[in-house]
Amino acid sequence: MAKIKTAYVCNDCGSDYAKWQGRCDDCGAWNTLSEIRLGPLSGTRTAKRQGYAGSLSAVTTLADIDLSNVPRISTGVEEFDRVLGGGLVPGSAVLIGGHPGAGKSTLLLQVLCRLAQHMKALYVTGEESLQQVAMRARRLDLPVDNLQLLSETRVETICTVAGQQKPQLMVADSIQVMHVEDIASAPGGVAQVRESAAQMIRYAKQSNTALILVGHVTKDGTLAGPKVLEHMIDCSIMLEGSDDSRFRTLRGTKNRFGAVNELGVFAMTEHGLKEVKNPSAIFLSRSDEPAAGSVVMVVWEGTRPLLVEIQALVDDSSFGNPRRLAVGLDQNRLAMLLAVLHRHGGLQVGDQDVFVNVVGGVKVVETGADLALLLSIVSSLRDRPLPHDLVVFGEVGLSGEIRPVPSGQERLYEAVKHGFRRAIVPLANAPREKPKGMDVVGVKTLADALAAI
């Protein structure tokens, strides 16, 4: 009998060790190593696993490569296509993750039912029965004539069936329940997820099939499984949304075929996810009366501007250590900007609680929201409402200067379309010809911006 070997694999990064230890040397995480059993492998299977995922070809120069034969498969959903970079690429692997109930299976079922009307599509479900999938499709009133379903968790069987059916698009829901016979660990483990994804991606690239994998997320919102899973796939997408909101945001974090940080907005309805053509109108549902601490900013998400409202509340602290809380923004950057406000704006909030919130559950990662954040804090501190038709954007430096942001004119034109008539922007972003009906004020320093309001 062959001796069963064991290894210890980190659940965060996928690094393996010969014996257990408390700390992973590669990622620095503590108590993340788990024991897995390695089954005996034959020489033929080992050689096959070490092979290249795509087809082998002769050496050629970069200029001789023909790109005309790389078509895109449109999903029929413009917001989904935007995040993907224009559609699905044949032979690519897309990983879509999100919290339970976010709508991952609903969105993919809607896409596959429509695409199955004119192309071969296969939906592999490992978490739900075929009856459950059929009930959801009937409830959403989707065309159910041509979509092929398979309820299976064994990767070898899935690849065999896919090789017989030859679908152009295949969805595996989810990768955490798939398993390979040669790996002795339970489904969902590091070794099983890594090997299952590797075999399915290898099949997709060899057969030129567009593959979509559904992934779970951990408590902190990151994709579950080994970190090497994100390196193997071509595109990583996160479907986000709070439980008390009907809106969902689809954000790309990795894309080998398009821009990253693209944002798609959907609304969850009784007929499934509906794309939102004008997301700025949703995030701008403000009260009619101006309120202190509220201002609208223009952020750049991927390839389009997005108008969102930022709110700040400054209040006397009841404790010796004032609180700093940011929802939708980087909390460390909030602390840094408060120091800039004190040093270069002459306003001290060291004994005040500061709470900042981006309305609508949007997460702002760009620095163009710095100026709007500070002006909302000043408005709340002085209890003076800012004009209702004012829009603000700009990056604030540590020396108090207002630095320009990309695509300044496009942001201004987007604000004009939504009825804004005033703007405070960096001086370098102030256009020579102002948009019709808008008063644009260009500022160089934080002191100029405070004087402008």
Protein backbone atom coordinates (compact mmCIF):
# COMPACT_ATOMS: atom_id res chain seq x y z
CA MET A 1 0.00 0.00 0.00
CA ALA A 2 1.32 3.43 -0.93
CA LYS A 3 2.16 5.66 2.02
CA ILE A 4 -0.24 8.59 2.46
CA LYS A 5 1.65 11.86 2.66
CA THR A 6 0.44 14.95 4.50
CA ALA A 7 1.15 18.63 4.05
CA TYR A 8 0.18 21.81 5.86
CA VAL A 9 -1.31 24.55 3.70
CA CYS A 10 -2.00 28.19 4.61
CA ASN A 11 -5.69 29.05 4.18
CA ASP A 12 -4.88 32.68 3.28
CA CYS A 13 -2.12 32.47 0.68
CA GLY A 14 -1.93 28.75 -0.21
CA SER A 15 1.71 28.22 0.80
CA ASP A 16 2.47 24.64 1.88
CA TYR A 17 4.86 23.36 4.53
CA ALA A 18 6.18 19.94 5.52
CA LYS A 19 5.16 20.37 9.18
CA TRP A 20 2.80 22.53 11.18
CA GLN A 21 3.85 25.93 12.46
CA GLY A 22 1.94 28.76 14.08
CA ARG A 23 2.83 31.51 11.59
CA CYS A 24 2.92 31.43 7.79
CA ASP A 25 6.31 32.68 6.58
CA ASP A 26 4.93 33.99 3.27
CA CYS A 27 1.90 36.08 4.31
CA GLY A 28 2.58 36.46 8.04
CA ALA A 29 -0.85 35.18 9.14
CA TRP A 30 -1.16 33.26 12.41
CA ASN A 31 -2.98 29.94 12.93
CA THR A 32 -3.98 29.57 9.28
CA LEU A 33 -2.18 26.29 8.48
CA SER A 34 -4.40 23.25 8.06
CA GLU A 35 -3.45 19.63 7.41
CA ILE A 36 -4.32 17.99 4.09
CA ARG A 37 -3.65 14.50 2.81
CA LEU A 38 -1.93 14.04 -0.51
CA GLY A 39 -3.05 11.02 -2.47
CA PRO A 40 -0.63 9.04 -4.61
CA LEU A 41 -0.38 10.29 -8.19
CA SER A 42 0.63 8.32 -11.23
CA GLY A 43 3.34 9.59 -13.50
CA THR A 44 0.91 10.18 -16.35
CA ARG A 45 -1.42 12.38 -14.27
CA THR A 46 1.49 14.29 -12.77
CA ALA A 47 2.86 15.09 -16.20
CA LYS A 48 -0.58 16.14 -17.40
CA ARG A 49 -1.07 18.53 -14.49
CA GLN A 50 2.25 20.21 -15.11
CA GLY A 51 1.39 20.91 -18.74
CA TYR A 52 0.40 24.28 -20.15
CA ALA A 53 -3.30 25.15 -19.90
CA GLY A 54 -3.60 26.34 -23.51
CA SER A 55 -2.58 24.82 -26.81
CA LEU A 56 1.10 24.65 -27.71
CA SER A 57 2.30 26.63 -30.72
CA ALA A 58 5.50 27.59 -32.47
CA VAL A 59 7.58 30.59 -31.47
CA THR A 60 6.40 33.80 -33.18
CA THR A 61 7.03 37.51 -32.92
CA LEU A 62 4.64 39.89 -31.19
CA ALA A 63 3.92 41.81 -34.39
CA ASP A 64 2.76 38.66 -36.22
CA ILE A 65 -0.01 37.83 -33.74
CA ASP A 66 -3.48 38.27 -35.27
CA LEU A 67 -5.99 39.85 -32.90
CA SER A 68 -8.93 39.84 -35.31
CA ASN A 69 -9.99 36.35 -34.20
CA VAL A 70 -10.62 37.31 -30.56
CA PRO A 71 -14.35 38.10 -30.50
CA ARG A 72 -16.28 39.22 -27.47
CA ILE A 73 -19.43 37.50 -26.25
CA SER A 74 -21.93 40.13 -25.16
CA THR A 75 -23.91 39.09 -22.09
CA GLY A 76 -26.89 41.24 -23.11
CA VAL A 77 -26.50 43.29 -19.91
CA GLU A 78 -24.68 46.56 -20.55
CA GLU A 79 -23.57 47.04 -16.92
CA PHE A 80 -22.13 43.51 -16.83
CA ASP A 81 -20.37 44.03 -20.17
CA ARG A 82 -18.92 47.31 -18.89
CA VAL A 83 -17.30 45.62 -15.90
CA LEU A 84 -16.01 42.76 -18.09
CA GLY A 85 -14.40 45.23 -20.48
CA GLY A 86 -16.85 44.75 -23.36
CA GLY A 87 -18.03 41.18 -22.88
CA LEU A 88 -16.76 37.67 -22.25
CA VAL A 89 -13.63 36.49 -24.05
CA PRO A 90 -13.65 32.86 -25.30
CA GLY A 91 -11.19 30.76 -23.31
CA SER A 92 -11.18 33.16 -20.36
CA ALA A 93 -11.94 32.39 -16.72
CA VAL A 94 -14.03 34.86 -14.72
CA LEU A 95 -14.45 34.64 -10.94
CA ILE A 96 -17.48 36.40 -9.45
CA GLY A 97 -17.80 36.64 -5.68
CA GLY A 98 -20.12 38.23 -3.17
CA HIS A 99 -21.91 37.78 0.14
CA PRO A 100 -24.72 35.22 0.44
CA GLY A 101 -27.89 36.67 -1.02
CA ALA A 102 -26.14 39.33 -3.09
CA GLY A 103 -27.57 37.91 -6.31
CA LYS A 104 -24.67 36.06 -7.96
CA SER A 105 -26.70 33.02 -9.02
CA THR A 106 -29.63 35.20 -10.05
CA LEU A 107 -27.49 37.40 -12.31
CA LEU A 108 -25.73 34.46 -13.96
CA LEU A 109 -28.98 32.56 -14.48
CA GLN A 110 -30.49 35.61 -16.19
CA VAL A 111 -27.46 35.94 -18.47
CA LEU A 112 -27.30 32.24 -19.38
CA CYS A 113 -31.01 31.89 -20.09
CA ARG A 114 -30.84 34.72 -22.59
CA LEU A 115 -27.55 33.66 -24.19
CA ALA A 116 -28.78 30.05 -24.52
CA GLN A 117 -31.28 31.24 -27.15
CA HIS A 118 -28.51 31.68 -29.72
CA MET A 119 -25.47 29.78 -28.33
CA LYS A 120 -24.69 26.64 -26.31
CA ALA A 121 -24.55 27.34 -22.56
CA LEU A 122 -24.08 24.97 -19.62
CA TYR A 123 -24.99 25.81 -16.02
CA VAL A 124 -23.30 23.50 -13.48
CA THR A 125 -24.85 23.73 -10.03
CA GLY A 126 -23.26 22.09 -7.03
CA GLU A 127 -25.09 23.84 -4.21
CA GLU A 128 -28.69 23.72 -5.48
CA SER A 129 -30.80 21.00 -7.00
CA LEU A 130 -32.06 21.21 -10.57
CA GLN A 131 -35.57 21.83 -9.24
CA GLN A 132 -34.41 24.85 -7.25
CA VAL A 133 -32.73 26.37 -10.30
CA ALA A 134 -35.84 25.72 -12.41
CA MET A 135 -38.07 27.32 -9.79
CA ARG A 136 -35.94 30.46 -9.75
CA ALA A 137 -35.98 30.68 -13.54
CA ARG A 138 -39.78 30.35 -13.64
CA ARG A 139 -40.18 32.93 -10.87
CA LEU A 140 -38.01 35.40 -12.78
CA ASP A 141 -39.98 34.67 -15.98
CA LEU A 142 -36.85 33.68 -17.95
CA PRO A 143 -36.71 31.67 -21.20
CA VAL A 144 -35.97 28.10 -20.12
CA ASP A 145 -36.05 26.25 -23.43
CA ASN A 146 -32.39 25.88 -24.41
CA LEU A 147 -30.29 26.21 -21.25
CA GLN A 148 -28.51 22.98 -20.30
CA LEU A 149 -28.25 22.14 -16.58
CA LEU A 150 -25.93 19.76 -14.74
CA SER A 151 -25.98 18.99 -11.02
CA GLU A 152 -22.48 17.71 -10.25
CA THR A 153 -19.55 18.49 -7.96
CA ARG A 154 -16.89 16.11 -9.32
CA VAL A 155 -14.58 18.06 -11.64
CA GLU A 156 -13.64 15.06 -13.78
CA THR A 157 -17.30 14.38 -14.56
CA ILE A 158 -17.97 18.05 -15.31
CA CYS A 159 -15.11 18.24 -17.79
CA THR A 160 -16.21 14.98 -19.44
CA VAL A 161 -19.80 16.17 -19.89
CA ALA A 162 -18.62 19.57 -21.11
CA GLY A 163 -16.36 17.84 -23.63
CA GLN A 164 -19.38 15.98 -25.00
CA GLN A 165 -21.77 18.95 -25.05
CA LYS A 166 -19.13 21.48 -26.18
CA PRO A 167 -20.73 24.63 -24.67
CA GLN A 168 -19.44 28.07 -25.59
CA LEU A 169 -20.19 29.36 -22.09
CA MET A 170 -20.08 27.41 -18.83
CA VAL A 171 -20.87 28.48 -15.24
CA ALA A 172 -19.74 26.55 -12.15
CA ASP A 173 -21.71 27.45 -9.01
CA SER A 174 -19.69 27.36 -6.86
CA ILE A 175 -15.98 26.52 -6.90
CA GLN A 176 -16.00 25.88 -3.11
CA VAL A 177 -18.13 22.72 -3.50
CA MET A 178 -16.18 21.21 -6.41
CA HIS A 179 -13.75 18.42 -5.70
CA VAL A 180 -11.11 16.30 -7.44
CA GLU A 181 -10.88 12.56 -6.77
CA ASP A 182 -7.10 12.53 -6.35
CA ILE A 183 -7.15 15.02 -3.47
CA ALA A 184 -8.07 13.45 -0.14
CA SER A 185 -9.18 16.66 1.61
CA ALA A 186 -12.79 17.80 1.89
CA PRO A 187 -14.40 20.16 -0.67
CA GLY A 188 -13.76 23.79 0.14
CA GLY A 189 -10.24 23.18 1.39
CA VAL A 190 -7.23 24.96 0.00
CA ALA A 191 -5.97 21.99 -2.01
CA GLN A 192 -9.41 21.11 -3.43
CA VAL A 193 -10.25 24.67 -4.48
CA ARG A 194 -6.86 25.17 -6.07
CA GLU A 195 -6.84 21.88 -7.99
CA SER A 196 -10.50 22.08 -9.01
CA ALA A 197 -10.08 25.58 -10.41
CA ALA A 198 -6.85 24.61 -12.18
CA GLN A 199 -8.47 21.67 -13.99
CA MET A 200 -11.56 23.64 -15.04
CA ILE A 201 -9.48 26.59 -16.25
CA ARG A 202 -7.24 24.19 -18.18
CA TYR A 203 -10.29 22.70 -19.91
CA ALA A 204 -11.70 26.17 -20.71
CA LYS A 205 -8.49 27.33 -22.36
CA GLN A 206 -7.98 24.13 -24.31
CA SER A 207 -11.60 24.10 -25.59
CA ASN A 208 -11.91 27.90 -26.00
CA THR A 209 -14.88 27.96 -23.61
CA ALA A 210 -15.79 31.06 -21.61
CA LEU A 211 -15.82 29.92 -17.96
CA ILE A 212 -17.47 31.73 -15.04
CA LEU A 213 -16.72 30.52 -11.51
CA VAL A 214 -18.80 31.57 -8.51
CA GLY A 215 -16.82 32.09 -5.30
CA HIS A 216 -17.73 32.61 -1.67
CA VAL A 217 -16.37 35.43 0.49
CA THR A 218 -15.00 35.45 4.02
CA LYS A 219 -16.16 37.54 6.99
CA ASP A 220 -14.01 40.52 5.95
CA GLY A 221 -15.40 40.51 2.41
CA THR A 222 -12.45 38.91 0.58
CA LEU A 223 -12.71 35.89 -1.70
CA ALA A 224 -12.49 32.62 0.16
CA GLY A 225 -9.88 30.06 -0.79
CA PRO A 226 -6.18 30.28 -1.55
CA LYS A 227 -4.74 33.51 -2.93
CA VAL A 228 -3.40 31.60 -5.92
CA LEU A 229 -7.01 31.28 -7.12
CA GLU A 230 -7.05 34.99 -7.99
CA HIS A 231 -3.79 34.58 -9.91
CA MET A 232 -5.12 31.73 -12.05
CA ILE A 233 -8.29 33.48 -13.27
CA ASP A 234 -8.38 36.25 -15.89
CA CYS A 235 -11.05 38.47 -14.37
CA SER A 236 -12.19 38.93 -10.77
CA ILE A 237 -15.54 40.61 -10.03
CA MET A 238 -17.25 41.36 -6.72
CA LEU A 239 -21.03 41.79 -6.38
CA GLU A 240 -21.61 44.01 -3.35
CA GLY A 241 -24.71 45.24 -1.59
CA SER A 242 -26.05 45.66 1.94
CA ASP A 243 -28.98 43.65 3.25
CA ASP A 244 -31.16 46.75 3.73
CA SER A 245 -30.63 48.10 0.21
CA ARG A 246 -32.17 46.95 -3.05
CA PHE A 247 -29.19 48.17 -5.06
CA ARG A 248 -26.16 46.06 -5.95
CA THR A 249 -22.80 47.22 -7.27
CA LEU A 250 -20.65 45.05 -9.53
CA ARG A 251 -16.99 46.04 -9.32
CA GLY A 252 -14.03 44.59 -11.19
CA THR A 253 -10.82 44.12 -9.20
CA LYS A 254 -8.77 42.30 -11.83
CA ASN A 255 -9.23 42.16 -15.59
CA ARG A 256 -6.73 40.98 -18.18
CA PHE A 257 -9.02 42.09 -21.00
CA GLY A 258 -10.17 45.53 -19.82
CA ALA A 259 -9.95 48.27 -17.23
CA VAL A 260 -10.15 47.53 -13.52
CA ASN A 261 -12.30 49.39 -10.99
CA GLU A 262 -15.20 49.52 -13.42
CA LEU A 263 -18.54 49.82 -11.66
CA GLY A 264 -21.92 48.44 -12.67
CA VAL A 265 -25.09 49.22 -10.71
CA PHE A 266 -28.13 46.92 -10.48
CA ALA A 267 -31.46 47.03 -8.68
CA MET A 268 -32.87 43.86 -7.12
CA THR A 269 -36.52 43.48 -8.12
CA GLU A 270 -39.08 40.69 -8.11
CA HIS A 271 -38.01 39.87 -11.67
CA GLY A 272 -34.30 39.62 -10.82
CA LEU A 273 -31.48 42.12 -11.19
CA LYS A 274 -32.25 45.10 -13.40
CA GLU A 275 -29.40 47.30 -14.63
CA VAL A 276 -29.43 50.96 -13.63
CA LYS A 277 -28.64 53.17 -16.62
CA ASN A 278 -28.16 56.39 -14.62
CA PRO A 279 -26.72 55.49 -11.18
CA SER A 280 -26.00 59.13 -10.28
CA ALA A 281 -29.73 59.85 -10.10
CA ILE A 282 -30.11 57.12 -7.45
CA PHE A 283 -27.32 58.33 -5.19
CA LEU A 284 -28.54 61.94 -5.38
CA SER A 285 -31.95 61.45 -3.77
CA ARG A 286 -31.45 64.30 -1.30
CA SER A 287 -33.88 66.27 0.82
CA ASP A 288 -35.26 69.52 -0.56
CA GLU A 289 -33.86 71.59 2.30
CA PRO A 290 -30.06 72.05 2.45
CA ALA A 291 -28.46 70.43 5.49
CA ALA A 292 -25.16 71.19 7.15
CA GLY A 293 -22.42 68.65 6.49
CA SER A 294 -23.76 67.48 3.12
CA VAL A 295 -22.08 68.03 -0.25
CA VAL A 296 -22.09 66.28 -3.62
CA MET A 297 -18.82 65.08 -5.14
CA VAL A 298 -17.95 63.63 -8.54
CA VAL A 299 -15.88 60.44 -8.41
CA TRP A 300 -14.45 58.59 -11.38
CA GLU A 301 -15.37 54.92 -11.53
CA GLY A 302 -13.57 53.08 -14.31
CA THR A 303 -14.58 54.92 -17.48
CA ARG A 304 -17.44 57.12 -16.28
CA PRO A 305 -18.15 59.83 -13.67
CA LEU A 306 -20.47 59.17 -10.77
CA LEU A 307 -22.15 61.77 -8.57
CA VAL A 308 -22.54 60.74 -4.93
CA GLU A 309 -23.41 62.60 -1.76
CA ILE A 310 -20.99 62.68 1.17
CA GLN A 311 -22.21 63.51 4.67
CA ALA A 312 -20.20 64.52 7.73
CA LEU A 313 -21.21 64.94 11.35
CA VAL A 314 -18.94 66.74 13.83
CA ASP A 315 -20.07 66.63 17.47
CA ASP A 316 -18.61 67.17 20.93
CA SER A 317 -16.88 64.06 22.23
CA SER A 318 -18.21 62.54 25.45
CA PHE A 319 -15.01 60.59 26.03
CA GLY A 320 -11.36 61.44 26.33
CA ASN A 321 -10.52 59.83 22.99
CA PRO A 322 -12.64 61.32 20.13
CA ARG A 323 -13.98 58.85 17.59
CA ARG A 324 -13.12 58.87 13.89
CA LEU A 325 -15.48 56.76 11.77
CA ALA A 326 -15.60 56.60 7.97
CA VAL A 327 -18.15 54.51 6.03
CA GLY A 328 -17.30 54.15 2.34
CA LEU A 329 -13.96 55.95 2.71
CA ASP A 330 -10.50 55.11 3.98
CA GLN A 331 -10.38 55.78 7.72
CA ASN A 332 -6.62 56.38 7.71
CA ARG A 333 -7.00 59.01 5.01
CA LEU A 334 -9.69 60.73 7.10
CA ALA A 335 -7.24 61.10 9.99
CA MET A 336 -4.61 62.49 7.64
CA LEU A 337 -7.00 65.04 6.12
CA LEU A 338 -8.10 66.22 9.58
CA ALA A 339 -4.44 66.98 10.33
CA VAL A 340 -4.19 68.95 7.07
CA LEU A 341 -7.36 70.87 8.00
CA HIS A 342 -5.81 71.83 11.34
CA ARG A 343 -2.41 72.79 9.98
CA HIS A 344 -3.40 74.61 6.77
CA GLY A 345 -7.05 75.48 7.42
CA GLY A 346 -6.78 76.71 10.99
CA LEU A 347 -9.68 74.54 12.23
CA GLN A 348 -9.21 72.24 15.21
CA VAL A 349 -11.42 69.18 15.56
CA GLY A 350 -9.14 67.26 17.92
CA ASP A 351 -11.77 67.27 20.69
CA GLN A 352 -14.68 66.43 18.38
CA ASP A 353 -16.18 63.16 17.17
CA VAL A 354 -16.07 63.02 13.36
CA PHE A 355 -18.38 60.68 11.43
CA VAL A 356 -18.28 60.51 7.62
CA ASN A 357 -20.62 58.53 5.35
CA VAL A 358 -20.94 58.06 1.59
CA VAL A 359 -24.65 57.83 0.80
CA GLY A 360 -25.92 54.77 -1.06
CA GLY A 361 -23.33 52.27 0.13
CA VAL A 362 -20.75 53.31 -2.49
CA LYS A 363 -17.10 52.69 -1.66
CA VAL A 364 -14.89 55.58 -2.78
CA VAL A 365 -11.25 54.62 -3.31
CA GLU A 366 -9.92 57.55 -5.33
CA THR A 367 -8.33 60.69 -3.85
CA GLY A 368 -10.61 63.05 -5.78
CA ALA A 369 -13.02 62.98 -2.83
CA ASP A 370 -10.57 64.72 -0.44
CA LEU A 371 -11.78 68.28 -0.96
CA ALA A 372 -15.47 67.35 -0.70
CA LEU A 373 -14.75 65.45 2.51
CA LEU A 374 -13.05 68.43 4.16
CA LEU A 375 -15.71 70.92 3.07
CA SER A 376 -18.48 68.71 4.45
CA ILE A 377 -16.62 68.50 7.78
CA VAL A 378 -16.25 72.30 7.90
CA SER A 379 -19.93 72.72 7.05
CA SER A 380 -20.97 70.45 9.92
CA LEU A 381 -18.49 72.06 12.33
CA ARG A 382 -19.82 75.56 11.61
CA ASP A 383 -23.43 74.35 11.21
CA ARG A 384 -23.71 76.20 7.91
CA PRO A 385 -25.30 74.36 4.96
CA LEU A 386 -23.51 74.44 1.62
CA PRO A 387 -25.44 75.46 -1.51
CA HIS A 388 -27.75 72.76 -2.80
CA ASP A 389 -26.46 73.13 -6.38
CA LEU A 390 -22.75 72.90 -5.44
CA VAL A 391 -20.48 70.07 -6.59
CA VAL A 392 -16.90 69.57 -5.37
CA PHE A 393 -13.92 67.40 -6.30
CA GLY A 394 -10.14 67.59 -5.88
CA GLU A 395 -7.20 65.93 -4.14
CA VAL A 396 -5.70 67.57 -1.03
CA GLY A 397 -1.96 67.35 -0.46
CA LEU A 398 -0.15 67.33 2.87
CA SER A 399 1.09 70.88 2.29
CA GLY A 400 -2.48 72.14 1.81
CA GLU A 401 -2.38 72.35 -1.98
CA ILE A 402 -5.33 71.25 -4.11
CA ARG A 403 -4.04 68.85 -6.73
CA PRO A 404 -5.80 68.10 -10.04
CA VAL A 405 -7.64 64.85 -10.73
CA PRO A 406 -8.07 62.96 -14.02
CA SER A 407 -11.00 63.69 -16.37
CA GLY A 408 -11.94 67.01 -14.80
CA GLN A 409 -14.04 68.29 -17.71
CA GLU A 410 -16.03 65.06 -17.98
CA ARG A 411 -16.90 65.35 -14.28
CA LEU A 412 -18.14 68.92 -14.75
CA TYR A 413 -20.32 68.01 -17.74
CA GLU A 414 -21.84 65.13 -15.77
CA ALA A 415 -22.69 67.57 -12.95
CA VAL A 416 -24.31 70.00 -15.42
CA LYS A 417 -26.55 67.21 -16.74
CA HIS A 418 -27.93 66.72 -13.22
CA GLY A 419 -28.69 70.39 -12.64
CA PHE A 420 -25.67 71.60 -10.66
CA ARG A 421 -24.75 75.24 -11.23
CA ARG A 422 -21.69 75.77 -9.00
CA ALA A 423 -18.43 73.87 -8.71
CA ILE A 424 -15.26 74.13 -6.62
CA VAL A 425 -12.46 72.31 -8.40
CA PRO A 426 -8.65 72.37 -8.52
CA LEU A 427 -7.30 75.31 -10.49
CA ALA A 428 -5.61 72.97 -12.97
CA ASN A 429 -9.00 71.33 -13.69
CA ALA A 430 -10.84 74.62 -14.25
CA PRO A 431 -11.78 74.72 -17.97
CA ARG A 432 -11.02 77.71 -20.18
CA GLU A 433 -14.57 77.62 -21.47
CA LYS A 434 -16.93 77.02 -18.59
CA PRO A 435 -19.91 74.73 -19.15
CA LYS A 436 -23.03 76.65 -20.00
CA GLY A 437 -24.93 77.67 -16.90
CA MET A 438 -22.21 76.66 -14.40
CA ASP A 439 -20.00 78.87 -12.24
CA VAL A 440 -16.65 77.12 -11.77
CA VAL A 441 -14.25 78.28 -9.04
CA GLY A 442 -10.66 77.04 -9.33
CA VAL A 443 -8.68 76.85 -6.08
CA LYS A 444 -4.97 76.24 -5.48
CA THR A 445 -4.89 75.77 -1.69
CA LEU A 446 -7.19 74.62 1.07
CA ALA A 447 -7.40 78.20 2.33
CA ASP A 448 -8.76 79.28 -1.09
CA ALA A 449 -11.40 76.55 -0.93
CA LEU A 450 -12.51 77.58 2.56
CA ALA A 451 -12.74 81.20 1.39
CA ALA A 452 -14.84 80.14 -1.61
CA ILE A 453 -17.57 78.67 0.65
